[in-house]
Each structure stands twice: as structure tokens, then as C-alpha cells.
């Protein structure tokens, strides 16, 4: 029957053959296998903590994590708790990310920051671009270029093994930096013109948007030139990784472009595989960097034309000399540095084959065995501890007391409003 056939296939997946189990078979062909026997929940959590906080070889090295239960059945270990959804979001942003658009937008945004003035322009704005236009640019045009910046830093700079490891280590499923940016620009768009809050929010939003673009560009550049991962487990490692990604994006933005890769200096159809793998000197990558930099410079020069600014309704005349010299220096420095590191780009990654394992970002190590079923572990098992363990006996009473207190306070405010008392703030009881 179909049920017996399915059971037979499953049994084959568990045993592979009668002489050797699947773990030994994979190790014999050079696959790194992290094998888990039937453990207690506490032991499993400790082992998962150790695996997800260490770097397990190169990202392209084949490795998997298998769990064997008391019946001898073998399972891939995968992480739930939103890891699958975040993996899909990461795959989408990786496929849609345009480094060229991100680099081209930087001069415009830098001009906008430099155009800030407390005196205001004729249209009443404090910057050349209206906050609503900035909201449209970041929310729609640069949507993929500012997304998943913290995840990019974790995977590409810190060297986290997979999206699953990122989730297990406490990484947020929500793209908070992007949400904060859009919220700030939304508030700036509708803020009262009688207060400077809207102008300050627009300035802060523009700066935050630039940092997110640099972060995503720099994370990809850092990973491509293979400097090494900042995988320390101390409290300063996340901040150092974030700072490294921003600096890399500022100095090496063109390395983060998808078109700038190792490739081959000759025609692909006629080049031997060993020449592609060795990648003699990165000549093609330097040509792509030059072409991209030339386009960015052309766009910047066109935006400096007075007729262009008048036609688009911008005014970049404020601090124009500083912006021109600053952007010229940044453009030259970033172009030369990007070209000088093209020889470090490795084209052999594009030739990597996957004969035994399948890439799966929900695995703690990033790979699974296709013929083996999965056992799903929820990271909430790790995070399921009380905030205040010392109050374990009185926590229910304390929670009820806090809820009742806040509800009573809100009801009191409503009663004061019914009495016609003018409350300017919730703490005003005068």
C-alpha cells in the first residue's frame, strides 16, 4: 500500500544501508556532521547555544546537524519560531538588493543633509527634499536596500552560521531599523510647521537612511573581500560589527555591488575552470567598479546643474562648496580603494557544488540532508525564562496588581475628562 511504501522510504532515509548509518556515511564523504543523541531538554539547549555562537568553518563547507532519538531514527535539526519567514524575507532582499541604486542614492541624500538650515527655504521646508518625498524614496524605491540590515551584519560580518542561528541567538524577526526610519519620516511629514520637531525628525531620518544603506553595502563588501569575521562573544561584538559594516560601506561601496565579483578576466566560454577558480588579478571586477563609479559621478554632476534642480523642485545651493569637495573626495577614495581590493574577490564560490547536502537557513549550521526528515526546535524553549525568577511565587499577584493599577489610572483620566477638567498631560492633576 501507499502507507507501507512511505514507511519503507522513511526507513531507507534513516538507515541508508544495512552496514553503516547515515552519520558515518556522510563523514566518510567529507561532510562535517554534528551528531546529537537523545538528550534532555536542558542539555539540548546548552548544545544549541554552543553551536549557534561559534563559527563552523567556511560558509560553503558542507556540514549538517543531525539528531538521533532513542529508536535510532535520524532527523535534521531545524529551528522554528519565525526562522522560516525570516529566511524567505532574507532571500527576497538578497535577490532584489541593488547596490548600484544604493550607491547612486548616497550623493542625493548627502546633499539633502547638507542642505539643512534652520532659516528654512521659500517653500517652508528646512531641507531640499520634503519629508514626504523622503518617505516615498525609502519606503518604495529603496525598500530592499534598507531592509534586514541587522541580519546582514550578523550573517556577513559576524559570521553567524545561518538565519536559524541568528533567531536562536535572540535576533529580532522584525526589521526595527527600517520601521524606525519610516516612522520618523512619517511623523516628520505631518508634524506641525509651528515647531522645529518635524525638521529635526526629517534630518535624523535622512541620516538613519544613509547609515542603513552603508550598512547593507558594507556587510556585502566585507563578506566578499574575505577579511574575516568579527565573531567574538563579548558585549561589544555587535557594535563593532555594525561599525565595521558602516565603515566598509563608506570606503568600499562598489565591492558590495552584485556585478563586482571575481569572475574571469577572459571570455567565460573559452576559459578553463582552473583559471576561473584561481582568478588571476580581478581585471573584470575593476572594470565594473570603474563603470559603476562613472555612472554615480555622472548622476551627481547632473544633480548639481541648476536647471535640473529647478525642474525637480530641489535647492541644493546651501553648503554647495562643502558638498562638492566632500563628495569628490569620497568618490575618488572609495573608487580607488574598491579597485585596489578587487584581486581579493573569489570566483570559486560560484563553482561550488552541493552533492550531498541542501542549503537551508533554518538549520543551525545552514545545511540539511535532503533525504532525512526534520525535527523542529522552537527558540522559545531557550527564551522561556521569567524576567524576575526571584518573584516566581508572587508573580501572578504582581502581574494582576500592575494591570489593575494601570487600568485604574486610565479610568481616572477618563473621569477627569468627563468632569470637564483640562488635562494637558496625563501627569497633570492640577
Foldseek 3Di string as FASTA:
>chain_A
DVVVVVVVLQVCLQAVDDPHGPVVVCVVVPEAEAEAEDDDLVVVLVVLVVLQLDADPDLLGHYFYWYQYPVSGIAGEFADQCLVVLVVVVVVLVVPAALLVLLLCLLVLVLFLLQADPVADPVLARTQDQLVVVLCCCVPVCVSLLFPLLVLLCCQAQPGQFSQSCVLVPHDSDRVLSVVLNVLSVCLNPPDSVDCSSNVSSSVSSVSSNLSNQSQLQSQLSRQLCPDHLSDPDPCSSVVSSVNSNVSSQQANLSSGPQQALAEPDDPVPDDPVRRQQSDASPSNLVSLVVSLVVSVVSSVVVPDPVVCVVVSGDSPRCVVVSVVVVVVSSVRSSVVNNVSSRSGGRCVVVDDDPAWDADRRRSNGIDGVSRHHDYDYSCSVVVDDPDVVCPPPPVVVVVVVVVVVVVLVVVVVVCVVVVDDDPDSVDPD
